[in-house]
Amino acid sequence: MGKDIKIVGVEKVIGKLKKNMTLDDLKRVVRKDGADMTDKIVDHAVFTKGYSHGDTRESIHLEITDNGLTAEAGPSTAYSEYLEWGTRFMDSQPFVKPGFDEQKEIFKKHVKEMMR
């Protein structure tokens, strides 16, 4: 999609995590919470306005990168950006951001638990 969400300060978190746990533990949490985020995005991808075939919903996938420390989820249809943000001719029907926002708080909780 055209707009990216970036989390800053990961280096400090990783440094603290290295002291308290292994990176394998963190990778497990990233993979699990990434999969949960993907499911939430799919759940929100129900478009009630206009004509829908379900192509955007079916195009939502999870990709694990950065040696297991990054989870990226989202649709791959060329027009999904218009659904998320809207246009001057159609209202937005957000589905990525709500799924991300829900899972973000759970991920923060999981990381805090691991840092204890």
PDB file of N, CA and C in Angstrom:
ATOM      1  N   MET A   1       0.838  -1.172   0.000  1.00  0.00           N
ATOM      2  CA  MET A   1       0.000   0.000   0.000  1.00  0.00           C
ATOM      3  C   MET A   1       0.879   1.231   0.000  1.00  0.00           C
ATOM      4  N   GLY A   2       0.320   2.367  -0.237  1.00  0.00           N
ATOM      5  CA  GLY A   2       1.076   3.593  -0.393  1.00  0.00           C
ATOM      6  C   GLY A   2       1.615   4.166   0.908  1.00  0.00           C
ATOM      7  N   LYS A   3       0.979   3.892   2.027  1.00  0.00           N
ATOM      8  CA  LYS A   3       1.407   4.468   3.292  1.00  0.00           C
ATOM      9  C   LYS A   3       1.957   3.359   4.175  1.00  0.00           C
ATOM     10  N   ASP A   4       3.133   3.604   4.750  1.00  0.00           N
ATOM     11  CA  ASP A   4       3.769   2.609   5.602  1.00  0.00           C
ATOM     12  C   ASP A   4       3.661   3.040   7.052  1.00  0.00           C
ATOM     13  N   ILE A   5       3.622   2.078   7.947  1.00  0.00           N
ATOM     14  CA  ILE A   5       3.655   2.333   9.372  1.00  0.00           C
ATOM     15  C   ILE A   5       5.002   1.852   9.860  1.00  0.00           C
ATOM     16  N   LYS A   6       5.731   2.714  10.549  1.00  0.00           N
ATOM     17  CA  LYS A   6       7.079   2.385  10.990  1.00  0.00           C
ATOM     18  C   LYS A   6       7.149   2.508  12.509  1.00  0.00           C
ATOM     19  N   ILE A   7       7.747   1.535  13.144  1.00  0.00           N
ATOM     20  CA  ILE A   7       7.938   1.550  14.586  1.00  0.00           C
ATOM     21  C   ILE A   7       9.385   1.909  14.854  1.00  0.00           C
ATOM     22  N   VAL A   8       9.592   2.970  15.646  1.00  0.00           N
ATOM     23  CA  VAL A   8      10.921   3.487  15.932  1.00  0.00           C
ATOM     24  C   VAL A   8      11.348   3.042  17.330  1.00  0.00           C
ATOM     25  N   GLY A   9      12.637   2.795  17.517  1.00  0.00           N
ATOM     26  CA  GLY A   9      13.164   2.428  18.828  1.00  0.00           C
ATOM     27  C   GLY A   9      13.345   0.939  19.019  1.00  0.00           C
ATOM     28  N   VAL A  10      13.287   0.204  17.939  1.00  0.00           N
ATOM     29  CA  VAL A  10      13.383  -1.255  18.017  1.00  0.00           C
ATOM     30  C   VAL A  10      14.744  -1.691  18.558  1.00  0.00           C
ATOM     31  N   GLU A  11      15.796  -0.944  18.251  1.00  0.00           N
ATOM     32  CA  GLU A  11      17.145  -1.333  18.689  1.00  0.00           C
ATOM     33  C   GLU A  11      17.238  -1.398  20.213  1.00  0.00           C
ATOM     34  N   LYS A  12      16.654  -0.424  20.911  1.00  0.00           N
ATOM     35  CA  LYS A  12      16.678  -0.430  22.376  1.00  0.00           C
ATOM     36  C   LYS A  12      15.921  -1.623  22.935  1.00  0.00           C
ATOM     37  N   VAL A  13      14.776  -1.897  22.323  1.00  0.00           N
ATOM     38  CA  VAL A  13      13.970  -3.030  22.776  1.00  0.00           C
ATOM     39  C   VAL A  13      14.725  -4.335  22.570  1.00  0.00           C
ATOM     40  N   ILE A  14      15.355  -4.493  21.414  1.00  0.00           N
ATOM     41  CA  ILE A  14      16.097  -5.721  21.129  1.00  0.00           C
ATOM     42  C   ILE A  14      17.258  -5.875  22.098  1.00  0.00           C
ATOM     43  N   GLY A  15      17.952  -4.776  22.428  1.00  0.00           N
ATOM     44  CA  GLY A  15      19.043  -4.846  23.398  1.00  0.00           C
ATOM     45  C   GLY A  15      18.572  -5.348  24.742  1.00  0.00           C
ATOM     46  N   LYS A  16      17.458  -4.831  25.232  1.00  0.00           N
ATOM     47  CA  LYS A  16      16.905  -5.271  26.516  1.00  0.00           C
ATOM     48  C   LYS A  16      16.438  -6.725  26.437  1.00  0.00           C
ATOM     49  N   LEU A  17      15.812  -7.071  25.327  1.00  0.00           N
ATOM     50  CA  LEU A  17      15.336  -8.439  25.161  1.00  0.00           C
ATOM     51  C   LEU A  17      16.483  -9.439  25.149  1.00  0.00           C
ATOM     52  N   LYS A  18      17.608  -9.069  24.537  1.00  0.00           N
ATOM     53  CA  LYS A  18      18.757  -9.977  24.482  1.00  0.00           C
ATOM     54  C   LYS A  18      19.243 -10.326  25.878  1.00  0.00           C
ATOM     55  N   LYS A  19      19.110  -9.396  26.805  1.00  0.00           N
ATOM     56  CA  LYS A  19      19.526  -9.658  28.183  1.00  0.00           C
ATOM     57  C   LYS A  19      18.571 -10.607  28.888  1.00  0.00           C
ATOM     58  N   ASN A  20      17.297 -10.547  28.546  1.00  0.00           N
ATOM     59  CA  ASN A  20      16.282 -11.278  29.295  1.00  0.00           C
ATOM     60  C   ASN A  20      15.791 -12.557  28.616  1.00  0.00           C
ATOM     61  N   MET A  21      16.092 -12.726  27.349  1.00  0.00           N
ATOM     62  CA  MET A  21      15.578 -13.883  26.631  1.00  0.00           C
ATOM     63  C   MET A  21      16.375 -14.092  25.361  1.00  0.00           C
ATOM     64  N   THR A  22      16.040 -15.120  24.644  1.00  0.00           N
ATOM     65  CA  THR A  22      16.721 -15.364  23.371  1.00  0.00           C
ATOM     66  C   THR A  22      15.933 -14.707  22.237  1.00  0.00           C
ATOM     67  N   LEU A  23      16.617 -14.468  21.138  1.00  0.00           N
ATOM     68  CA  LEU A  23      15.929 -13.913  19.975  1.00  0.00           C
ATOM     69  C   LEU A  23      14.928 -14.908  19.398  1.00  0.00           C
ATOM     70  N   ASP A  24      15.137 -16.192  19.646  1.00  0.00           N
ATOM     71  CA  ASP A  24      14.165 -17.187  19.178  1.00  0.00           C
ATOM     72  C   ASP A  24      12.809 -16.965  19.838  1.00  0.00           C
ATOM     73  N   ASP A  25      12.825 -16.571  21.123  1.00  0.00           N
ATOM     74  CA  ASP A  25      11.571 -16.265  21.820  1.00  0.00           C
ATOM     75  C   ASP A  25      10.864 -15.085  21.151  1.00  0.00           C
ATOM     76  N   LEU A  26      11.622 -14.046  20.841  1.00  0.00           N
ATOM     77  CA  LEU A  26      11.057 -12.872  20.182  1.00  0.00           C
ATOM     78  C   LEU A  26      10.524 -13.230  18.797  1.00  0.00           C
ATOM     79  N   LYS A  27      11.263 -14.037  18.064  1.00  0.00           N
ATOM     80  CA  LYS A  27      10.823 -14.437  16.727  1.00  0.00           C
ATOM     81  C   LYS A  27       9.507 -15.205  16.791  1.00  0.00           C
ATOM     82  N   ARG A  28       9.361 -16.028  17.830  1.00  0.00           N
ATOM     83  CA  ARG A  28       8.108 -16.769  18.008  1.00  0.00           C
ATOM     84  C   ARG A  28       6.939 -15.806  18.237  1.00  0.00           C
ATOM     85  N   VAL A  29       7.170 -14.784  19.061  1.00  0.00           N
ATOM     86  CA  VAL A  29       6.121 -13.800  19.336  1.00  0.00           C
ATOM     87  C   VAL A  29       5.796 -12.995  18.074  1.00  0.00           C
ATOM     88  N   VAL A  30       6.816 -12.594  17.327  1.00  0.00           N
ATOM     89  CA  VAL A  30       6.595 -11.835  16.093  1.00  0.00           C
ATOM     90  C   VAL A  30       5.768 -12.674  15.119  1.00  0.00           C
ATOM     91  N   ARG A  31       6.107 -13.939  14.970  1.00  0.00           N
ATOM     92  CA  ARG A  31       5.380 -14.806  14.035  1.00  0.00           C
ATOM     93  C   ARG A  31       3.925 -15.004  14.495  1.00  0.00           C
ATOM     94  N   LYS A  32       3.739 -15.281  15.766  1.00  0.00           N
ATOM     95  CA  LYS A  32       2.381 -15.522  16.300  1.00  0.00           C
ATOM     96  C   LYS A  32       1.529 -14.267  16.205  1.00  0.00           C
ATOM     97  N   ASP A  33       2.073 -13.132  16.678  1.00  0.00           N
ATOM     98  CA  ASP A  33       1.296 -11.895  16.640  1.00  0.00           C
ATOM     99  C   ASP A  33       1.106 -11.406  15.202  1.00  0.00           C
ATOM    100  N   GLY A  34       2.070 -11.679  14.332  1.00  0.00           N
ATOM    101  CA  GLY A  34       1.912 -11.350  12.917  1.00  0.00           C
ATOM    102  C   GLY A  34       0.777 -12.143  12.293  1.00  0.00           C
ATOM    103  N   ALA A  35       0.695 -13.405  12.629  1.00  0.00           N
ATOM    104  CA  ALA A  35      -0.393 -14.251  12.114  1.00  0.00           C
ATOM    105  C   ALA A  35      -1.738 -13.773  12.662  1.00  0.00           C
ATOM    106  N   ASP A  36      -1.767 -13.403  13.942  1.00  0.00           N
ATOM    107  CA  ASP A  36      -3.003 -12.893  14.532  1.00  0.00           C
ATOM    108  C   ASP A  36      -3.413 -11.574  13.878  1.00  0.00           C
ATOM    109  N   MET A  37      -2.426 -10.714  13.595  1.00  0.00           N
ATOM    110  CA  MET A  37      -2.718  -9.444  12.925  1.00  0.00           C
ATOM    111  C   MET A  37      -3.298  -9.705  11.530  1.00  0.00           C
ATOM    112  N   THR A  38      -2.726 -10.661  10.822  1.00  0.00           N
ATOM    113  CA  THR A  38      -3.230 -11.010   9.492  1.00  0.00           C
ATOM    114  C   THR A  38      -4.683 -11.454   9.588  1.00  0.00           C
ATOM    115  N   ASP A  39      -4.988 -12.290  10.560  1.00  0.00           N
ATOM    116  CA  ASP A  39      -6.370 -12.742  10.749  1.00  0.00           C
ATOM    117  C   ASP A  39      -7.310 -11.572  11.037  1.00  0.00           C
ATOM    118  N   LYS A  40      -6.853 -10.628  11.844  1.00  0.00           N
ATOM    119  CA  LYS A  40      -7.684  -9.463  12.165  1.00  0.00           C
ATOM    120  C   LYS A  40      -7.928  -8.596  10.926  1.00  0.00           C
ATOM    121  N   ILE A  41      -6.903  -8.426  10.107  1.00  0.00           N
ATOM    122  CA  ILE A  41      -7.067  -7.650   8.877  1.00  0.00           C
ATOM    123  C   ILE A  41      -8.079  -8.338   7.968  1.00  0.00           C
ATOM    124  N   VAL A  42      -7.981  -9.650   7.838  1.00  0.00           N
ATOM    125  CA  VAL A  42      -8.941 -10.407   7.016  1.00  0.00           C
ATOM    126  C   VAL A  42     -10.352 -10.242   7.579  1.00  0.00           C
ATOM    127  N   ASP A  43     -10.481 -10.321   8.905  1.00  0.00           N
ATOM    128  CA  ASP A  43     -11.804 -10.169   9.526  1.00  0.00           C
ATOM    129  C   ASP A  43     -12.409  -8.798   9.230  1.00  0.00           C
ATOM    130  N   HIS A  44     -11.577  -7.760   9.167  1.00  0.00           N
ATOM    131  CA  HIS A  44     -12.062  -6.401   8.892  1.00  0.00           C
ATOM    132  C   HIS A  44     -12.298  -6.151   7.400  1.00  0.00           C
ATOM    133  N   ALA A  45     -11.829  -7.034   6.545  1.00  0.00           N
ATOM    134  CA  ALA A  45     -11.935  -6.830   5.094  1.00  0.00           C
ATOM    135  C   ALA A  45     -13.283  -7.311   4.570  1.00  0.00           C
ATOM    136  N   VAL A  46     -14.341  -6.758   5.117  1.00  0.00           N
ATOM    137  CA  VAL A  46     -15.692  -7.035   4.650  1.00  0.00           C
ATOM    138  C   VAL A  46     -16.227  -5.713   4.120  1.00  0.00           C
ATOM    139  N   PHE A  47     -16.346  -5.626   2.826  1.00  0.00           N
ATOM    140  CA  PHE A  47     -16.697  -4.371   2.180  1.00  0.00           C
ATOM    141  C   PHE A  47     -18.182  -4.362   1.840  1.00  0.00           C
ATOM    142  N   THR A  48     -18.890  -3.426   2.443  1.00  0.00           N
ATOM    143  CA  THR A  48     -20.345  -3.382   2.316  1.00  0.00           C
ATOM    144  C   THR A  48     -20.809  -2.423   1.238  1.00  0.00           C
ATOM    145  N   LYS A  49     -19.914  -1.566   0.774  1.00  0.00           N
ATOM    146  CA  LYS A  49     -20.294  -0.573  -0.223  1.00  0.00           C
ATOM    147  C   LYS A  49     -19.788  -1.024  -1.593  1.00  0.00           C
ATOM    148  N   GLY A  50     -20.631  -0.932  -2.582  1.00  0.00           N
ATOM    149  CA  GLY A  50     -20.193  -1.282  -3.926  1.00  0.00           C
ATOM    150  C   GLY A  50     -20.237  -2.772  -4.201  1.00  0.00           C
ATOM    151  N   TYR A  51     -19.533  -3.162  -5.243  1.00  0.00           N
ATOM    152  CA  TYR A  51     -19.527  -4.542  -5.721  1.00  0.00           C
ATOM    153  C   TYR A  51     -18.245  -5.226  -5.273  1.00  0.00           C
ATOM    154  N   SER A  52     -18.352  -6.373  -4.644  1.00  0.00           N
ATOM    155  CA  SER A  52     -17.173  -7.041  -4.100  1.00  0.00           C
ATOM    156  C   SER A  52     -17.132  -8.506  -4.518  1.00  0.00           C
ATOM    157  N   HIS A  53     -15.948  -8.946  -4.987  1.00  0.00           N
ATOM    158  CA  HIS A  53     -15.716 -10.358  -5.309  1.00  0.00           C
ATOM    159  C   HIS A  53     -14.943 -11.072  -4.208  1.00  0.00           C
ATOM    160  N   GLY A  54     -14.340 -10.323  -3.301  1.00  0.00           N
ATOM    161  CA  GLY A  54     -13.523 -10.912  -2.253  1.00  0.00           C
ATOM    162  C   GLY A  54     -12.051 -11.020  -2.628  1.00  0.00           C
ATOM    163  N   ASP A  55     -11.650 -10.412  -3.752  1.00  0.00           N
ATOM    164  CA  ASP A  55     -10.256 -10.502  -4.192  1.00  0.00           C
ATOM    165  C   ASP A  55      -9.291  -9.853  -3.210  1.00  0.00           C
ATOM    166  N   THR A  56      -9.662  -8.701  -2.679  1.00  0.00           N
ATOM    167  CA  THR A  56      -8.777  -8.018  -1.718  1.00  0.00           C
ATOM    168  C   THR A  56      -8.630  -8.864  -0.459  1.00  0.00           C
ATOM    169  N   ARG A  57      -9.712  -9.364   0.040  1.00  0.00           N
ATOM    170  CA  ARG A  57      -9.676 -10.203   1.253  1.00  0.00           C
ATOM    171  C   ARG A  57      -8.779 -11.430   1.035  1.00  0.00           C
ATOM    172  N   GLU A  58      -8.897 -12.052  -0.116  1.00  0.00           N
ATOM    173  CA  GLU A  58      -8.094 -13.241  -0.415  1.00  0.00           C
ATOM    174  C   GLU A  58      -6.625 -12.911  -0.656  1.00  0.00           C
ATOM    175  N   SER A  59      -6.333 -11.653  -0.965  1.00  0.00           N
ATOM    176  CA  SER A  59      -4.944 -11.274  -1.251  1.00  0.00           C
ATOM    177  C   SER A  59      -4.140 -10.912  -0.003  1.00  0.00           C
ATOM    178  N   ILE A  60      -4.771 -10.924   1.147  1.00  0.00           N
ATOM    179  CA  ILE A  60      -4.087 -10.546   2.392  1.00  0.00           C
ATOM    180  C   ILE A  60      -3.203 -11.700   2.851  1.00  0.00           C
ATOM    181  N   HIS A  61      -1.898 -11.402   2.976  1.00  0.00           N
ATOM    182  CA  HIS A  61      -0.939 -12.427   3.387  1.00  0.00           C
ATOM    183  C   HIS A  61       0.068 -11.855   4.372  1.00  0.00           C
ATOM    184  N   LEU A  62       0.709 -12.752   5.094  1.00  0.00           N
ATOM    185  CA  LEU A  62       1.750 -12.412   6.061  1.00  0.00           C
ATOM    186  C   LEU A  62       3.109 -12.709   5.447  1.00  0.00           C
ATOM    187  N   GLU A  63       4.054 -11.782   5.675  1.00  0.00           N
ATOM    188  CA  GLU A  63       5.436 -12.001   5.251  1.00  0.00           C
ATOM    189  C   GLU A  63       6.343 -11.723   6.446  1.00  0.00           C
ATOM    190  N   ILE A  64       7.178 -12.690   6.790  1.00  0.00           N
ATOM    191  CA  ILE A  64       8.144 -12.541   7.880  1.00  0.00           C
ATOM    192  C   ILE A  64       9.486 -12.207   7.251  1.00  0.00           C
ATOM    193  N   THR A  65      10.089 -11.069   7.684  1.00  0.00           N
ATOM    194  CA  THR A  65      11.366 -10.617   7.135  1.00  0.00           C
ATOM    195  C   THR A  65      12.331 -10.285   8.265  1.00  0.00           C
ATOM    196  N   ASP A  66      13.478  -9.751   7.904  1.00  0.00           N
ATOM    197  CA  ASP A  66      14.517  -9.347   8.872  1.00  0.00           C
ATOM    198  C   ASP A  66      14.885 -10.485   9.817  1.00  0.00           C
ATOM    199  N   ASN A  67      15.115 -11.655   9.224  1.00  0.00           N
ATOM    200  CA  ASN A  67      15.528 -12.819  10.003  1.00  0.00           C
ATOM    201  C   ASN A  67      14.517 -13.161  11.103  1.00  0.00           C
ATOM    202  N   GLY A  68      13.235 -12.966  10.807  1.00  0.00           N
ATOM    203  CA  GLY A  68      12.185 -13.340  11.753  1.00  0.00           C
ATOM    204  C   GLY A  68      11.794 -12.250  12.724  1.00  0.00           C
ATOM    205  N   LEU A  69      12.326 -11.041  12.591  1.00  0.00           N
ATOM    206  CA  LEU A  69      12.034  -9.973  13.545  1.00  0.00           C
ATOM    207  C   LEU A  69      10.999  -8.971  13.040  1.00  0.00           C
ATOM    208  N   THR A  70      10.514  -9.147  11.827  1.00  0.00           N
ATOM    209  CA  THR A  70       9.516  -8.247  11.264  1.00  0.00           C
ATOM    210  C   THR A  70       8.389  -9.058  10.639  1.00  0.00           C
ATOM    211  N   ALA A  71       7.163  -8.669  10.968  1.00  0.00           N
ATOM    212  CA  ALA A  71       5.982  -9.277  10.362  1.00  0.00           C
ATOM    213  C   ALA A  71       5.253  -8.202   9.580  1.00  0.00           C
ATOM    214  N   GLU A  72       5.018  -8.471   8.303  1.00  0.00           N
ATOM    215  CA  GLU A  72       4.293  -7.539   7.444  1.00  0.00           C
ATOM    216  C   GLU A  72       3.065  -8.254   6.893  1.00  0.00           C
ATOM    217  N   ALA A  73       1.917  -7.622   7.060  1.00  0.00           N
ATOM    218  CA  ALA A  73       0.677  -8.212   6.561  1.00  0.00           C
ATOM    219  C   ALA A  73      -0.118  -7.154   5.824  1.00  0.00           C
ATOM    220  N   GLY A  74      -0.772  -7.569   4.773  1.00  0.00           N
ATOM    221  CA  GLY A  74      -1.615  -6.635   4.037  1.00  0.00           C
ATOM    222  C   GLY A  74      -2.044  -7.215   2.710  1.00  0.00           C
ATOM    223  N   PRO A  75      -2.894  -6.476   2.019  1.00  0.00           N
ATOM    224  CA  PRO A  75      -3.415  -6.940   0.734  1.00  0.00           C
ATOM    225  C   PRO A  75      -2.450  -6.647  -0.404  1.00  0.00           C
ATOM    226  N   SER A  76      -2.634  -7.351  -1.502  1.00  0.00           N
ATOM    227  CA  SER A  76      -1.778  -7.114  -2.656  1.00  0.00           C
ATOM    228  C   SER A  76      -2.560  -6.671  -3.890  1.00  0.00           C
ATOM    229  N   THR A  77      -3.859  -6.422  -3.761  1.00  0.00           N
ATOM    230  CA  THR A  77      -4.599  -5.926  -4.913  1.00  0.00           C
ATOM    231  C   THR A  77      -4.209  -4.476  -5.184  1.00  0.00           C
ATOM    232  N   ALA A  78      -4.202  -4.106  -6.436  1.00  0.00           N
ATOM    233  CA  ALA A  78      -3.757  -2.764  -6.840  1.00  0.00           C
ATOM    234  C   ALA A  78      -4.671  -1.670  -6.303  1.00  0.00           C
ATOM    235  N   TYR A  79      -5.898  -1.975  -6.009  1.00  0.00           N
ATOM    236  CA  TYR A  79      -6.871  -0.960  -5.596  1.00  0.00           C
ATOM    237  C   TYR A  79      -7.158  -0.973  -4.091  1.00  0.00           C
ATOM    238  N   SER A  80      -6.468  -1.814  -3.329  1.00  0.00           N
ATOM    239  CA  SER A  80      -6.744  -1.918  -1.887  1.00  0.00           C
ATOM    240  C   SER A  80      -6.523  -0.600  -1.159  1.00  0.00           C
ATOM    241  N   GLU A  81      -5.606   0.188  -1.655  1.00  0.00           N
ATOM    242  CA  GLU A  81      -5.338   1.504  -1.064  1.00  0.00           C
ATOM    243  C   GLU A  81      -6.592   2.385  -1.115  1.00  0.00           C
ATOM    244  N   TYR A  82      -7.353   2.298  -2.197  1.00  0.00           N
ATOM    245  CA  TYR A  82      -8.570   3.094  -2.331  1.00  0.00           C
ATOM    246  C   TYR A  82      -9.624   2.657  -1.316  1.00  0.00           C
ATOM    247  N   LEU A  83      -9.677   1.356  -1.053  1.00  0.00           N
ATOM    248  CA  LEU A  83     -10.619   0.853  -0.058  1.00  0.00           C
ATOM    249  C   LEU A  83     -10.242   1.353   1.338  1.00  0.00           C
ATOM    250  N   GLU A  84      -8.963   1.296   1.660  1.00  0.00           N
ATOM    251  CA  GLU A  84      -8.487   1.695   2.994  1.00  0.00           C
ATOM    252  C   GLU A  84      -8.666   3.192   3.236  1.00  0.00           C
ATOM    253  N   TRP A  85      -8.275   4.009   2.263  1.00  0.00           N
ATOM    254  CA  TRP A  85      -8.223   5.465   2.478  1.00  0.00           C
ATOM    255  C   TRP A  85      -9.374   6.214   1.825  1.00  0.00           C
ATOM    256  N   GLY A  86     -10.066   5.593   0.877  1.00  0.00           N
ATOM    257  CA  GLY A  86     -11.140   6.274   0.173  1.00  0.00           C
ATOM    258  C   GLY A  86     -10.604   7.147  -0.954  1.00  0.00           C
ATOM    259  N   THR A  87     -11.515   7.707  -1.698  1.00  0.00           N
ATOM    260  CA  THR A  87     -11.185   8.653  -2.764  1.00  0.00           C
ATOM    261  C   THR A  87     -12.196   9.796  -2.678  1.00  0.00           C
ATOM    262  N   ARG A  88     -12.081  10.732  -3.569  1.00  0.00           N
ATOM    263  CA  ARG A  88     -13.071  11.813  -3.532  1.00  0.00           C
ATOM    264  C   ARG A  88     -14.441  11.310  -3.986  1.00  0.00           C
ATOM    265  N   PHE A  89     -14.476  10.137  -4.623  1.00  0.00           N
ATOM    266  CA  PHE A  89     -15.733   9.568  -5.084  1.00  0.00           C
ATOM    267  C   PHE A  89     -16.284   8.463  -4.183  1.00  0.00           C
ATOM    268  N   MET A  90     -15.478   7.969  -3.264  1.00  0.00           N
ATOM    269  CA  MET A  90     -15.960   6.891  -2.391  1.00  0.00           C
ATOM    270  C   MET A  90     -15.392   7.050  -0.990  1.00  0.00           C
ATOM    271  N   ASP A  91     -16.191   6.658  -0.025  1.00  0.00           N
ATOM    272  CA  ASP A  91     -15.764   6.721   1.369  1.00  0.00           C
ATOM    273  C   ASP A  91     -14.749   5.618   1.655  1.00  0.00           C
ATOM    274  N   SER A  92     -13.918   5.880   2.652  1.00  0.00           N
ATOM    275  CA  SER A  92     -12.951   4.861   3.053  1.00  0.00           C
ATOM    276  C   SER A  92     -13.673   3.730   3.781  1.00  0.00           C
ATOM    277  N   GLN A  93     -13.097   2.538   3.684  1.00  0.00           N
ATOM    278  CA  GLN A  93     -13.571   1.369   4.413  1.00  0.00           C
ATOM    279  C   GLN A  93     -12.342   0.699   5.040  1.00  0.00           C
ATOM    280  N   PRO A  94     -11.772   1.343   6.074  1.00  0.00           N
ATOM    281  CA  PRO A  94     -10.506   0.857   6.642  1.00  0.00           C
ATOM    282  C   PRO A  94     -10.596  -0.598   7.102  1.00  0.00           C
ATOM    283  N   PHE A  95      -9.547  -1.347   6.808  1.00  0.00           N
ATOM    284  CA  PHE A  95      -9.467  -2.733   7.263  1.00  0.00           C
ATOM    285  C   PHE A  95      -8.058  -3.085   7.720  1.00  0.00           C
ATOM    286  N   VAL A  96      -7.029  -2.478   7.149  1.00  0.00           N
ATOM    287  CA  VAL A  96      -5.655  -2.769   7.570  1.00  0.00           C
ATOM    288  C   VAL A  96      -5.354  -2.087   8.903  1.00  0.00           C
ATOM    289  N   LYS A  97      -5.608  -0.798   8.988  1.00  0.00           N
ATOM    290  CA  LYS A  97      -5.276  -0.051  10.202  1.00  0.00           C
ATOM    291  C   LYS A  97      -6.032  -0.569  11.430  1.00  0.00           C
ATOM    292  N   PRO A  98      -7.342  -0.842  11.345  1.00  0.00           N
ATOM    293  CA  PRO A  98      -8.015  -1.380  12.530  1.00  0.00           C
ATOM    294  C   PRO A  98      -7.416  -2.712  13.007  1.00  0.00           C
ATOM    295  N   GLY A  99      -7.076  -3.589  12.061  1.00  0.00           N
ATOM    296  CA  GLY A  99      -6.453  -4.868  12.427  1.00  0.00           C
ATOM    297  C   GLY A  99      -5.090  -4.663  13.068  1.00  0.00           C
ATOM    298  N   PHE A 100      -4.308  -3.747  12.485  1.00  0.00           N
ATOM    299  CA  PHE A 100      -2.995  -3.423  13.047  1.00  0.00           C
ATOM    300  C   PHE A 100      -3.140  -2.826  14.440  1.00  0.00           C
ATOM    301  N   ASP A 101      -4.037  -1.863  14.602  1.00  0.00           N
ATOM    302  CA  ASP A 101      -4.203  -1.195  15.893  1.00  0.00           C
ATOM    303  C   ASP A 101      -4.616  -2.164  16.995  1.00  0.00           C
ATOM    304  N   GLU A 102      -5.488  -3.106  16.674  1.00  0.00           N
ATOM    305  CA  GLU A 102      -5.901  -4.105  17.670  1.00  0.00           C
ATOM    306  C   GLU A 102      -4.721  -4.975  18.096  1.00  0.00           C
ATOM    307  N   GLN A 103      -3.966  -5.461  17.131  1.00  0.00           N
ATOM    308  CA  GLN A 103      -2.871  -6.378  17.444  1.00  0.00           C
ATOM    309  C   GLN A 103      -1.677  -5.660  18.044  1.00  0.00           C
ATOM    310  N   LYS A 104      -1.490  -4.389  17.733  1.00  0.00           N
ATOM    311  CA  LYS A 104      -0.358  -3.612  18.241  1.00  0.00           C
ATOM    312  C   LYS A 104      -0.323  -3.629  19.768  1.00  0.00           C
ATOM    313  N   GLU A 105      -1.471  -3.433  20.397  1.00  0.00           N
ATOM    314  CA  GLU A 105      -1.528  -3.406  21.861  1.00  0.00           C
ATOM    315  C   GLU A 105      -1.213  -4.782  22.453  1.00  0.00           C
ATOM    316  N   ILE A 106      -1.674  -5.813  21.810  1.00  0.00           N
ATOM    317  CA  ILE A 106      -1.396  -7.178  22.280  1.00  0.00           C
ATOM    318  C   ILE A 106       0.090  -7.474  22.130  1.00  0.00           C
ATOM    319  N   PHE A 107       0.695  -7.081  21.012  1.00  0.00           N
ATOM    320  CA  PHE A 107       2.127  -7.282  20.794  1.00  0.00           C
ATOM    321  C   PHE A 107       2.942  -6.545  21.858  1.00  0.00           C
ATOM    322  N   LYS A 108       2.579  -5.310  22.155  1.00  0.00           N
ATOM    323  CA  LYS A 108       3.285  -4.547  23.196  1.00  0.00           C
ATOM    324  C   LYS A 108       3.225  -5.286  24.532  1.00  0.00           C
ATOM    325  N   LYS A 109       2.052  -5.813  24.850  1.00  0.00           N
ATOM    326  CA  LYS A 109       1.885  -6.563  26.103  1.00  0.00           C
ATOM    327  C   LYS A 109       2.792  -7.804  26.118  1.00  0.00           C
ATOM    328  N   HIS A 110       2.846  -8.518  25.007  1.00  0.00           N
ATOM    329  CA  HIS A 110       3.676  -9.719  24.927  1.00  0.00           C
ATOM    330  C   HIS A 110       5.162  -9.375  25.093  1.00  0.00           C
ATOM    331  N   VAL A 111       5.606  -8.279  24.454  1.00  0.00           N
ATOM    332  CA  VAL A 111       7.002  -7.879  24.571  1.00  0.00           C
ATOM    333  C   VAL A 111       7.317  -7.459  25.995  1.00  0.00           C
ATOM    334  N   LYS A 112       6.425  -6.702  26.625  1.00  0.00           N
ATOM    335  CA  LYS A 112       6.646  -6.292  28.024  1.00  0.00           C
ATOM    336  C   LYS A 112       6.754  -7.510  28.943  1.00  0.00           C
ATOM    337  N   GLU A 113       5.919  -8.494  28.719  1.00  0.00           N
ATOM    338  CA  GLU A 113       5.981  -9.730  29.516  1.00  0.00           C
ATOM    339  C   GLU A 113       7.318 -10.429  29.360  1.00  0.00           C
ATOM    340  N   MET A 114       7.851 -10.395  28.138  1.00  0.00           N
ATOM    341  CA  MET A 114       9.121 -11.061  27.877  1.00  0.00           C
ATOM    342  C   MET A 114      10.301 -10.290  28.471  1.00  0.00           C
ATOM    343  N   MET A 115      10.142  -8.996  28.659  1.00  0.00           N
ATOM    344  CA  MET A 115      11.236  -8.179  29.178  1.00  0.00           C
ATOM    345  C   MET A 115      11.360  -8.265  30.686  1.00  0.00           C
ATOM    346  N   ARG A 116      10.406  -8.826  31.359  1.00  0.00           N
ATOM    347  CA  ARG A 116      10.452  -8.918  32.840  1.00  0.00           C
ATOM    348  C   ARG A 116      11.466  -9.910  33.293  1.00  0.00           C
TER     349      ARG A 116
END
